[in-house]
C-alpha atoms as a PDB file:
ATOM      1  CA  HIS A   1      -0.339   0.052   0.043  1.00  0.00           C
ATOM      2  CA  ARG A   2       1.146   3.429  -1.118  1.00  0.00           C
ATOM      3  CA  LYS A   3      -0.190   7.124  -0.083  1.00  0.00           C
ATOM      4  CA  ALA A   4       1.401  10.232  -0.481  1.00  0.00           C
ATOM      5  CA  MET A   5       0.287  13.478   1.013  1.00  0.00           C
ATOM      6  CA  GLU A   6       0.925  17.229   1.641  1.00  0.00           C
ATOM      7  CA  GLU A   7       1.464  18.724   5.240  1.00  0.00           C
ATOM      8  CA  ASP A   8       2.031  22.719   5.637  1.00  0.00           C
ATOM      9  CA  ALA A   9       4.485  23.012   8.827  1.00  0.00           C
ATOM     10  CA  SER A  10       5.100  26.338  10.006  1.00  0.00           C
ATOM     11  CA  TYR A  11       8.011  27.531   7.515  1.00  0.00           C
ATOM     12  CA  SER A  12       7.866  24.654   4.875  1.00  0.00           C
ATOM     13  CA  ILE A  13       5.639  22.556   2.723  1.00  0.00           C
ATOM     14  CA  ILE A  14       6.401  18.664   3.822  1.00  0.00           C
ATOM     15  CA  ARG A  15       5.112  15.875   1.251  1.00  0.00           C
ATOM     16  CA  HIS A  16       4.998  12.506   3.164  1.00  0.00           C
ATOM     17  CA  LYS A  17       5.341   9.178   1.385  1.00  0.00           C
ATOM     18  CA  ILE A  18       4.185   6.541   3.156  1.00  0.00           C
ATOM     19  CA  HIS A  19       4.655   2.912   1.904  1.00  0.00           C
ATOM     20  CA  GLU A  20       3.299  -0.448   3.856  1.00  0.00           C
ATOM     21  CA  LEU A  21       3.463  -4.086   3.559  1.00  0.00           C
ATOM     22  CA  TYR A  22       1.111  -6.078   5.442  1.00  0.00           C
ATOM     23  CA  TYR A  23       0.504  -9.782   6.131  1.00  0.00           C
ATOM     24  CA  ILE A  24      -2.672 -11.010   7.895  1.00  0.00           C
ATOM     25  CA  ALA A  25      -3.648 -14.457   9.046  1.00  0.00           C
ATOM     26  CA  THR A  26      -7.076 -15.087  10.387  1.00  0.00           C
ATOM     27  CA  TYR A  27      -8.271 -18.206  12.272  1.00  0.00           C
ATOM     28  CA  PRO A  28     -12.286 -19.074  12.618  1.00  0.00           C
ATOM     29  CA  PHE A  29     -13.331 -20.397  16.035  1.00  0.00           C
ATOM     30  CA  THR A  30     -17.244 -20.364  15.092  1.00  0.00           C
ATOM     31  CA  PRO A  31     -19.237 -18.908  12.120  1.00  0.00           C
ATOM     32  CA  VAL A  32     -19.448 -15.822  13.721  1.00  0.00           C
ATOM     33  CA  LEU A  33     -15.813 -15.632  16.247  1.00  0.00           C
ATOM     34  CA  ASN A  34     -12.830 -15.304  14.912  1.00  0.00           C
ATOM     35  CA  ILE A  35      -9.498 -14.249  15.569  1.00  0.00           C
ATOM     36  CA  LYS A  36      -7.128 -12.303  13.274  1.00  0.00           C
ATOM     37  CA  GLY A  37      -3.160 -11.315  13.373  1.00  0.00           C
ATOM     38  CA  THR A  38      -1.227  -8.291  11.454  1.00  0.00           C
ATOM     39  CA  ALA A  39       2.393  -8.028  11.013  1.00  0.00           C
ATOM     40  CA  SER A  40       3.282  -5.077   8.673  1.00  0.00           C
ATOM     41  CA  LEU A  41       6.036  -2.684   7.952  1.00  0.00           C
ATOM     42  CA  ARG A  42       5.884   1.011   7.384  1.00  0.00           C
ATOM     43  CA  TYR A  43       8.648   3.252   5.518  1.00  0.00           C
ATOM     44  CA  ASP A  44       8.134   7.235   5.722  1.00  0.00           C
ATOM     45  CA  ARG A  45       9.736   9.424   4.096  1.00  0.00           C
ATOM     46  CA  ALA A  46       9.305  13.197   4.642  1.00  0.00           C
ATOM     47  CA  VAL A  47      10.486  15.434   1.925  1.00  0.00           C
ATOM     48  CA  TYR A  48      10.737  19.168   2.436  1.00  0.00           C
ATOM     49  CA  LEU A  49       9.401  21.110  -0.592  1.00  0.00           C
ATOM     50  CA  ALA A  50      12.047  23.450  -1.854  1.00  0.00           C
ATOM     51  CA  THR A  51       9.653  26.622  -1.615  1.00  0.00           C
ATOM     52  CA  ASP A  52      12.997  28.727  -0.337  1.00  0.00           C
ATOM     53  CA  GLN A  53      16.643  28.511   0.185  1.00  0.00           C
ATOM     54  CA  TYR A  54      16.144  27.227   3.288  1.00  0.00           C
ATOM     55  CA  SER A  55      13.833  24.549   2.661  1.00  0.00           C
ATOM     56  CA  LEU A  56      15.755  23.530   0.009  1.00  0.00           C
ATOM     57  CA  GLY A  57      19.050  22.691   2.349  1.00  0.00           C
ATOM     58  CA  LEU A  58      16.766  20.236   4.622  1.00  0.00           C
ATOM     59  CA  PRO A  59      17.215  16.626   4.062  1.00  0.00           C
ATOM     60  CA  ASP A  60      14.279  13.974   4.253  1.00  0.00           C
ATOM     61  CA  ILE A  61      13.276  12.172   7.226  1.00  0.00           C
ATOM     62  CA  HIS A  62      13.404   8.733   7.198  1.00  0.00           C
ATOM     63  CA  HIS A  63      11.233   6.534   9.473  1.00  0.00           C
ATOM     64  CA  LEU A  64      10.627   2.547   9.577  1.00  0.00           C
ATOM     65  CA  TRP A  65       8.046   1.072  11.527  1.00  0.00           C
ATOM     66  CA  GLY A  66       7.166  -2.368  12.100  1.00  0.00           C
ATOM     67  CA  SER A  67       3.957  -3.338  13.829  1.00  0.00           C
ATOM     68  CA  LEU A  68       1.791  -6.258  15.463  1.00  0.00           C
ATOM     69  CA  LYS A  69      -1.794  -5.923  15.464  1.00  0.00           C
ATOM     70  CA  GLY A  70      -4.425  -8.602  17.085  1.00  0.00           C
ATOM     71  CA  GLU A  71      -8.330  -8.296  17.119  1.00  0.00           C
ATOM     72  CA  LEU A  72     -10.976 -10.503  18.315  1.00  0.00           C
ATOM     73  CA  THR A  73     -14.384 -10.443  16.493  1.00  0.00           C
ATOM     74  CA  TYR A  74     -17.572 -11.475  16.922  1.00  0.00           C
ATOM     75  CA  ASP A  75     -20.466 -10.792  14.716  1.00  0.00           C
ATOM     76  CA  ASN A  76     -23.745 -12.470  14.264  1.00  0.00           C
ATOM     77  CA  THR A  77     -25.700  -9.629  12.093  1.00  0.00           C
ATOM     78  CA  ARG A  78     -28.205 -10.570   9.647  1.00  0.00           C
ATOM     79  CA  SER A  79     -28.893  -7.641   6.684  1.00  0.00           C
ATOM     80  CA  MET A  80     -32.306  -6.188   6.536  1.00  0.00           C
ATOM     81  CA  GLY A  81     -31.406  -4.203   3.606  1.00  0.00           C
ATOM     82  CA  LEU A  82     -28.828  -1.591   2.946  1.00  0.00           C
ATOM     83  CA  ASN A  83     -27.423  -0.317   6.124  1.00  0.00           C
ATOM     84  CA  LEU A  84     -29.844  -2.133   8.248  1.00  0.00           C
ATOM     85  CA  TYR A  85     -29.063  -5.336  10.206  1.00  0.00           C
ATOM     86  CA  LYS A  86     -30.203  -6.862  13.229  1.00  0.00           C
ATOM     87  CA  GLY A  87     -27.849  -8.731  16.117  1.00  0.00           C
ATOM     88  CA  THR A  88     -24.589  -7.806  17.377  1.00  0.00           C
ATOM     89  CA  ARG A  89     -21.188  -6.955  16.506  1.00  0.00           C
ATOM     90  CA  TYR A  90     -17.920  -6.007  18.167  1.00  0.00           C
ATOM     91  CA  LYS A  91     -13.859  -6.005  17.924  1.00  0.00           C
ATOM     92  CA  LEU A  92     -11.727  -6.127  20.701  1.00  0.00           C
ATOM     93  CA  PHE A  93      -7.849  -4.939  19.737  1.00  0.00           C
ATOM     94  CA  GLY A  94      -4.675  -4.372  20.399  1.00  0.00           C
ATOM     95  CA  GLU A  95      -1.538  -2.949  18.739  1.00  0.00           C
ATOM     96  CA  TYR A  96       2.123  -2.567  19.125  1.00  0.00           C
ATOM     97  CA  TYR A  97       4.272  -0.373  16.691  1.00  0.00           C
ATOM     98  CA  GLN A  98       8.118  -0.122  17.092  1.00  0.00           C
ATOM     99  CA  LEU A  99      10.293   2.233  15.560  1.00  0.00           C
ATOM    100  CA  LEU A 100      13.125   0.034  13.862  1.00  0.00           C
ATOM    101  CA  THR A 101      15.451   2.951  13.477  1.00  0.00           C
ATOM    102  CA  ASP A 102      15.167   4.367  17.210  1.00  0.00           C
ATOM    103  CA  LYS A 103      14.363   1.312  19.507  1.00  0.00           C
ATOM    104  CA  GLY A 104      13.654   3.934  21.890  1.00  0.00           C
ATOM    105  CA  ASN A 105      10.250   5.077  20.425  1.00  0.00           C
ATOM    106  CA  HIS A 106       7.407   2.699  20.449  1.00  0.00           C
ATOM    107  CA  VAL A 107       3.374   3.093  20.850  1.00  0.00           C
ATOM    108  CA  ILE A 108       0.862   0.628  21.963  1.00  0.00           C
ATOM    109  CA  VAL A 109      -2.711   1.174  21.223  1.00  0.00           C
ATOM    110  CA  ALA A 110      -5.824  -0.908  22.913  1.00  0.00           C
ATOM    111  CA  GLY A 111      -9.301  -0.530  22.151  1.00  0.00           C
ATOM    112  CA  LEU A 112     -12.866  -1.846  21.503  1.00  0.00           C
ATOM    113  CA  ASP A 113     -15.699  -1.395  19.011  1.00  0.00           C
ATOM    114  CA  PHE A 114     -19.343  -2.867  20.446  1.00  0.00           C
ATOM    115  CA  ARG A 115     -22.510  -2.842  18.035  1.00  0.00           C
ATOM    116  CA  HIS A 116     -25.991  -3.789  18.739  1.00  0.00           C
ATOM    117  CA  TYR A 117     -28.896  -3.639  16.264  1.00  0.00           C
ATOM    118  CA  LEU A 118     -32.330  -4.143  17.563  1.00  0.00           C
ATOM    119  CA  GLN A 119     -35.056  -4.579  15.059  1.00  0.00           C
ATOM    120  CA  VAL A 120     -37.820  -2.574  16.289  1.00  0.00           C
ATOM    121  CA  HIS A 121     -40.871  -3.116  13.934  1.00  0.00           C
ATOM    122  CA  ARG A 122     -39.922  -4.846  10.414  1.00  0.00           C
ATOM    123  CA  THR A 123     -37.149  -2.999   8.852  1.00  0.00           C
ATOM    124  CA  LEU A 124     -37.027   0.021  11.744  1.00  0.00           C
ATOM    125  CA  ILE A 125     -34.048  -0.556  13.277  1.00  0.00           C
ATOM    126  CA  TRP A 126     -32.354   1.055  16.220  1.00  0.00           C
ATOM    127  CA  ALA A 127     -28.442   0.690  15.894  1.00  0.00           C
ATOM    128  CA  ASN A 128     -26.054   1.608  18.928  1.00  0.00           C
ATOM    129  CA  ARG A 129     -22.224   2.037  19.177  1.00  0.00           C
ATOM    130  CA  LEU A 130     -19.925   2.176  21.766  1.00  0.00           C
ATOM    131  CA  ALA A 131     -16.348   2.499  21.392  1.00  0.00           C
ATOM    132  CA  ALA A 132     -13.344   3.415  23.117  1.00  0.00           C
ATOM    133  CA  SER A 133      -9.455   3.346  22.855  1.00  0.00           C
ATOM    134  CA  THR A 134      -6.208   4.759  24.485  1.00  0.00           C
ATOM    135  CA  SER A 135      -2.526   4.863  23.550  1.00  0.00           C
ATOM    136  CA  PHE A 136       0.702   4.706  25.558  1.00  0.00           C
ATOM    137  CA  GLY A 137       4.298   4.426  25.541  1.00  0.00           C
ATOM    138  CA  SER A 138       7.063   6.383  24.641  1.00  0.00           C
ATOM    139  CA  ASN A 139       5.166   7.748  21.989  1.00  0.00           C
ATOM    140  CA  LYS A 140       1.313   8.121  21.211  1.00  0.00           C
ATOM    141  CA  LEU A 141      -1.401   8.259  19.158  1.00  0.00           C
ATOM    142  CA  LEU A 142      -3.311  11.415  19.023  1.00  0.00           C
ATOM    143  CA  TYR A 143      -7.247  10.929  18.539  1.00  0.00           C
ATOM    144  CA  TYR A 144      -9.342  14.208  16.996  1.00  0.00           C
ATOM    145  CA  MET A 145     -12.946  14.089  17.967  1.00  0.00           C
ATOM    146  CA  GLY A 146     -15.246  15.409  15.849  1.00  0.00           C
ATOM    147  CA  GLY A 147     -17.410  15.271  12.442  1.00  0.00           C
ATOM    148  CA  VAL A 148     -18.379  12.101  10.610  1.00  0.00           C
ATOM    149  CA  ASP A 149     -16.195   9.527   8.521  1.00  0.00           C
ATOM    150  CA  ASN A 150     -15.134  10.478   5.094  1.00  0.00           C
ATOM    151  CA  TRP A 151     -16.830  13.726   5.366  1.00  0.00           C
ATOM    152  CA  LEU A 152     -16.561  15.349   2.273  1.00  0.00           C
ATOM    153  CA  PHE A 153     -16.003  19.277   2.945  1.00  0.00           C
ATOM    154  CA  PRO A 154     -14.594  19.050   6.286  1.00  0.00           C
ATOM    155  CA  SER A 155     -13.667  21.808   8.583  1.00  0.00           C
ATOM    156  CA  TYR A 156     -11.296  21.746  11.716  1.00  0.00           C
ATOM    157  CA  ASN A 157     -11.824  23.861  14.971  1.00  0.00           C
ATOM    158  CA  GLN A 158      -8.466  25.523  15.555  1.00  0.00           C
ATOM    159  CA  ASN A 159      -9.137  26.791  19.178  1.00  0.00           C
ATOM    160  CA  THR A 160      -8.456  23.513  20.846  1.00  0.00           C
ATOM    161  CA  THR A 161      -4.904  22.990  21.123  1.00  0.00           C
ATOM    162  CA  VAL A 162      -2.888  19.893  21.520  1.00  0.00           C
ATOM    163  CA  ASP A 163      -1.024  19.119  24.505  1.00  0.00           C
ATOM    164  CA  PRO A 164       2.440  19.651  23.820  1.00  0.00           C
ATOM    165  CA  ALA A 165       3.980  17.883  26.543  1.00  0.00           C
ATOM    166  CA  GLU A 166       2.695  14.818  24.850  1.00  0.00           C
ATOM    167  CA  LYS A 167       4.948  13.129  22.106  1.00  0.00           C
ATOM    168  CA  TYR A 168       2.590  11.417  19.218  1.00  0.00           C
ATOM    169  CA  ALA A 169       3.822   9.513  16.252  1.00  0.00           C
ATOM    170  CA  PHE A 170       0.397   9.322  14.658  1.00  0.00           C
ATOM    171  CA  GLN A 171      -3.090  10.803  14.490  1.00  0.00           C
ATOM    172  CA  THR A 172      -6.222   9.858  13.503  1.00  0.00           C
ATOM    173  CA  ILE A 173      -9.944  10.902  13.698  1.00  0.00           C
ATOM    174  CA  ALA A 174     -12.469   9.663  16.209  1.00  0.00           C
ATOM    175  CA  THR A 175     -15.915   9.531  14.908  1.00  0.00           C
ATOM    176  CA  ASN A 176     -18.820  10.278  14.832  1.00  0.00           C
ATOM    177  CA  MET A 177     -19.441  13.099  16.294  1.00  0.00           C
ATOM    178  CA  ARG A 178     -22.117  15.491  14.670  1.00  0.00           C
ATOM    179  CA  GLY A 179     -22.859  19.001  15.394  1.00  0.00           C
ATOM    180  CA  PHE A 180     -19.020  19.701  15.471  1.00  0.00           C
ATOM    181  CA  LYS A 181     -16.214  20.246  13.538  1.00  0.00           C
ATOM    182  CA  GLN A 182     -13.027  17.958  13.777  1.00  0.00           C
ATOM    183  CA  ASN A 183     -10.825  18.669  16.882  1.00  0.00           C
ATOM    184  CA  ILE A 184     -13.853  19.906  19.212  1.00  0.00           C
ATOM    185  CA  ARG A 185     -11.785  17.310  21.561  1.00  0.00           C
ATOM    186  CA  ASN A 186      -8.461  15.732  21.095  1.00  0.00           C
ATOM    187  CA  GLY A 187      -6.050  13.737  23.378  1.00  0.00           C
ATOM    188  CA  THR A 188      -4.695   9.837  23.635  1.00  0.00           C
ATOM    189  CA  ASN A 189      -7.810   8.640  24.765  1.00  0.00           C
ATOM    190  CA  PHE A 190     -11.446   8.442  23.376  1.00  0.00           C
ATOM    191  CA  PHE A 191     -14.697   7.241  24.538  1.00  0.00           C
ATOM    192  CA  LEU A 192     -17.937   7.547  22.281  1.00  0.00           C
ATOM    193  CA  ILE A 193     -21.588   6.375  22.072  1.00  0.00           C
ATOM    194  CA  ASN A 194     -23.595   6.470  18.989  1.00  0.00           C
ATOM    195  CA  SER A 195     -27.043   5.883  19.148  1.00  0.00           C
ATOM    196  CA  GLU A 196     -29.564   6.066  15.580  1.00  0.00           C
ATOM    197  CA  LEU A 197     -32.949   5.382  14.548  1.00  0.00           C
ATOM    198  CA  ARG A 198     -33.093   3.950  10.812  1.00  0.00           C
ATOM    199  CA  TRP A 199     -36.268   4.187   8.840  1.00  0.00           C
ATOM    200  CA  PRO A 200     -36.067   3.018   5.329  1.00  0.00           C
ATOM    201  CA  VAL A 201     -39.328   4.954   4.693  1.00  0.00           C
ATOM    202  CA  PHE A 202     -40.512   3.705   1.243  1.00  0.00           C
ATOM    203  CA  ARG A 203     -39.474  -0.137   1.872  1.00  0.00           C
ATOM    204  CA  TYR A 204     -41.496   0.050   5.404  1.00  0.00           C
ATOM    205  CA  LEU A 205     -44.713   1.754   4.058  1.00  0.00           C
ATOM    206  CA  PHE A 206     -45.199  -0.187   0.576  1.00  0.00           C
ATOM    207  CA  ASN A 207     -44.987  -3.965   1.086  1.00  0.00           C
ATOM    208  CA  ARG A 208     -44.012  -4.764  -2.535  1.00  0.00           C
ATOM    209  CA  PRO A 209     -40.639  -4.726  -4.527  1.00  0.00           C
ATOM    210  CA  ILE A 210     -39.480  -1.068  -5.223  1.00  0.00           C
ATOM    211  CA  ARG A 211     -37.590  -0.885  -8.708  1.00  0.00           C
ATOM    212  CA  SER A 212     -35.942   2.523  -7.772  1.00  0.00           C
ATOM    213  CA  ASP A 213     -32.794   1.960  -6.071  1.00  0.00           C
ATOM    214  CA  PHE A 214     -32.911   5.530  -4.909  1.00  0.00           C
ATOM    215  CA  ILE A 215     -36.450   4.968  -3.515  1.00  0.00           C
ATOM    216  CA  ASN A 216     -35.913   1.503  -2.127  1.00  0.00           C
ATOM    217  CA  ASN A 217     -32.833   2.441  -0.252  1.00  0.00           C
ATOM    218  CA  PHE A 218     -34.277   5.710   0.979  1.00  0.00           C
ATOM    219  CA  GLN A 219     -34.027   6.460   4.965  1.00  0.00           C
ATOM    220  CA  VAL A 220     -34.535   8.818   7.373  1.00  0.00           C
ATOM    221  CA  VAL A 221     -32.440   8.784  10.582  1.00  0.00           C
ATOM    222  CA  LEU A 222     -32.593  10.008  13.982  1.00  0.00           C
ATOM    223  CA  PHE A 223     -29.238  10.232  16.015  1.00  0.00           C
ATOM    224  CA  GLY A 224     -27.741  11.164  19.576  1.00  0.00           C
ATOM    225  CA  ASP A 225     -23.996  11.038  19.933  1.00  0.00           C
ATOM    226  CA  VAL A 226     -21.999  11.451  23.204  1.00  0.00           C
ATOM    227  CA  GLY A 227     -18.162  11.010  24.034  1.00  0.00           C
ATOM    228  CA  THR A 228     -14.931  13.021  24.898  1.00  0.00           C
ATOM    229  CA  ALA A 229     -11.275  12.910  24.066  1.00  0.00           C
ATOM    230  CA  TRP A 230      -8.739  13.605  26.258  1.00  0.00           C
ATOM    231  CA  ASN A 231      -4.638  13.210  28.133  1.00  0.00           C
ATOM    232  CA  GLY A 232      -4.052  11.317  31.400  1.00  0.00           C
ATOM    233  CA  LEU A 233      -6.042   9.106  33.485  1.00  0.00           C
ATOM    234  CA  SER A 234      -9.694  10.712  33.332  1.00  0.00           C
ATOM    235  CA  PRO A 235     -11.428  13.746  31.269  1.00  0.00           C
ATOM    236  CA  TRP A 236     -12.078  15.191  34.452  1.00  0.00           C
ATOM    237  CA  ASP A 237      -8.475  14.962  35.847  1.00  0.00           C
ATOM    238  CA  GLU A 238      -7.051  18.077  36.726  1.00  0.00           C
ATOM    239  CA  ASP A 239      -4.073  17.598  34.347  1.00  0.00           C
ATOM    240  CA  ASN A 240      -6.494  17.179  31.542  1.00  0.00           C
ATOM    241  CA  HIS A 241      -5.098  19.622  28.796  1.00  0.00           C
ATOM    242  CA  LEU A 242      -8.307  21.209  27.748  1.00  0.00           C
ATOM    243  CA  PHE A 243      -8.828  22.937  31.529  1.00  0.00           C
ATOM    244  CA  THR A 244      -5.636  24.877  30.252  1.00  0.00           C
ATOM    245  CA  SER A 245      -5.030  27.745  28.193  1.00  0.00           C
ATOM    246  CA  TYR A 246      -1.805  29.877  27.284  1.00  0.00           C
ATOM    247  CA  ILE A 247      -2.062  33.734  26.070  1.00  0.00           C
ATOM    248  CA  TYR A 248       0.812  35.412  24.451  1.00  0.00           C
ATOM    249  CA  ARG A 249       0.602  39.469  24.628  1.00  0.00           C
ATOM    250  CA  GLY A 250       3.965  40.805  23.748  1.00  0.00           C
ATOM    251  CA  PRO A 251       6.251  40.184  26.786  1.00  0.00           C
ATOM    252  CA  LEU A 252       3.592  38.732  28.845  1.00  0.00           C
ATOM    253  CA  PHE A 253       3.072  34.707  28.851  1.00  0.00           C
ATOM    254  CA  ILE A 254      -0.201  33.920  30.621  1.00  0.00           C
ATOM    255  CA  LYS A 255      -1.491  30.536  31.409  1.00  0.00           C
ATOM    256  CA  VAL A 256      -5.185  30.327  32.622  1.00  0.00           C
ATOM    257  CA  GLU A 257      -6.955  27.415  34.307  1.00  0.00           C
ATOM    258  CA  MET A 258     -10.639  26.932  32.726  1.00  0.00           C
ATOM    259  CA  GLN A 259     -13.761  25.213  34.014  1.00  0.00           C
ATOM    260  CA  LYS A 260     -14.617  22.951  30.983  1.00  0.00           C
ATOM    261  CA  GLU A 261     -17.153  20.106  30.799  1.00  0.00           C
ATOM    262  CA  PRO A 262     -15.203  17.534  29.090  1.00  0.00           C
ATOM    263  CA  LEU A 263     -18.279  15.156  27.658  1.00  0.00           C
ATOM    264  CA  ILE A 264     -19.709  16.625  24.639  1.00  0.00           C
ATOM    265  CA  GLU A 265     -23.002  15.844  22.941  1.00  0.00           C
ATOM    266  CA  GLY A 266     -24.999  16.021  19.662  1.00  0.00           C
ATOM    267  CA  PHE A 267     -28.287  15.109  18.186  1.00  0.00           C
ATOM    268  CA  GLY A 268     -29.906  16.044  15.040  1.00  0.00           C
ATOM    269  CA  LEU A 269     -31.718  14.178  11.884  1.00  0.00           C
ATOM    270  CA  GLY A 270     -30.383  12.927   8.805  1.00  0.00           C
ATOM    271  CA  ALA A 271     -30.870  11.208   5.084  1.00  0.00           C
ATOM    272  CA  ARG A 272     -29.258   8.673   3.547  1.00  0.00           C
ATOM    273  CA  THR A 273     -29.616   6.915  -0.091  1.00  0.00           C
ATOM    274  CA  ARG A 274     -27.653   5.081  -2.694  1.00  0.00           C
ATOM    275  CA  LEU A 275     -27.017   6.986  -5.743  1.00  0.00           C
ATOM    276  CA  PHE A 276     -25.205   5.754  -8.733  1.00  0.00           C
ATOM    277  CA  GLY A 277     -23.521   3.265  -6.473  1.00  0.00           C
ATOM    278  CA  TYR A 278     -22.468   5.471  -3.373  1.00  0.00           C
ATOM    279  CA  PHE A 279     -24.329   5.314  -0.050  1.00  0.00           C
ATOM    280  CA  LEU A 280     -24.667   9.183   0.269  1.00  0.00           C
ATOM    281  CA  ARG A 281     -25.152  10.327   3.784  1.00  0.00           C
ATOM    282  CA  GLY A 282     -26.455  14.010   4.836  1.00  0.00           C
ATOM    283  CA  ASP A 283     -26.534  14.793   8.663  1.00  0.00           C
ATOM    284  CA  LEU A 284     -27.835  18.149  10.066  1.00  0.00           C
ATOM    285  CA  ALA A 285     -26.543  18.493  13.781  1.00  0.00           C
ATOM    286  CA  TRP A 286     -26.582  20.220  16.618  1.00  0.00           C
ATOM    287  CA  GLY A 287     -23.447  20.355  19.381  1.00  0.00           C
ATOM    288  CA  VAL A 288     -23.776  20.697  23.027  1.00  0.00           C
ATOM    289  CA  GLU A 289     -21.006  22.335  24.628  1.00  0.00           C
ATOM    290  CA  ASP A 290     -21.126  23.255  28.355  1.00  0.00           C
ATOM    291  CA  GLY A 291     -24.451  23.074  28.392  1.00  0.00           C
ATOM    292  CA  ARG A 292     -25.086  25.049  25.449  1.00  0.00           C
ATOM    293  CA  ILE A 293     -26.742  24.390  21.978  1.00  0.00           C
ATOM    294  CA  GLY A 294     -24.732  25.463  19.033  1.00  0.00           C
ATOM    295  CA  LYS A 295     -25.406  26.177  15.713  1.00  0.00           C
ATOM    296  CA  PRO A 296     -26.306  23.780  13.468  1.00  0.00           C
ATOM    297  CA  VAL A 297     -23.626  21.680  11.315  1.00  0.00           C
ATOM    298  CA  PHE A 298     -24.116  19.731   8.202  1.00  0.00           C
ATOM    299  CA  HIS A 299     -22.304  16.720   7.327  1.00  0.00           C
ATOM    300  CA  PHE A 300     -22.448  15.313   3.897  1.00  0.00           C
ATOM    301  CA  SER A 301     -20.100  11.941   3.683  1.00  0.00           C
ATOM    302  CA  LEU A 302     -19.691   8.649   1.750  1.00  0.00           C
ATOM    303  CA  SER A 303     -19.825   5.689   3.977  1.00  0.00           C
ATOM    304  CA  LEU A 304     -21.625   3.154   5.566  1.00  0.00           C
ATOM    305  CA  ASP A 305     -23.124   2.056   9.062  1.00  0.00           C
ATOM    306  CA  PHE A 306     -21.948   4.393  11.908  1.00  0.00           C
END
């Protein structure tokens, strides 16, 4: 697997070239329970683009990572239609990353993802999800909470700062937290609860085959999300970086301790359907932070399930 992406640093533009090699083995205990192991090598090359004389002289940065990942997966769900299930599925996982070019740098990640789908009536489905993860070691994984998966026009919250005392090796998005931009919360830990009532309107009302794929898969969704991301042992721990703000005013450097509620919530309604082979999702959500309901945020994305 190969991927290239660009990053705007303080004074330079960095092009990252990432090459990954995987070996994956799976062993099924039963038709619904299996264990999977993944061994991989990842070579990262960071190239400073020559935008000025200074960046022209900067050398490339090379990193070679080795990793092991184990997953225990259970899935007895049955499909009731596109993005409609009944049953239970969950995954428990652990990951270990070692920087082979520097034996002092490693990352350990552990987490779970539990989902339950309740058939309320016919094809009316109540879907619930609990996800949580933590990272530790000499380096860590940074989670940005906010938005949805595969958000087509994402926006980023610049006001929530990242704890500079931590050393991060990788970063990822913790979703779905609708009603907010990405980075409404961040940290080395997160937990998240999602709940959705999925109603395929036309399939539910008409007890006969529907020829139009667009109409047949059209769904109305009511949802609610709650969760947070944080550094430290607990979201309410006084060492949580969320409670600290720094202000620079000329020669003054001011540290401000704030009172904030780590937990955030989002609620709203959405629509789903398939068009030209793509499952389209539109969500209009209101975020709740510190007991205040914010302005609505529209999320347009391409993804199934949560």
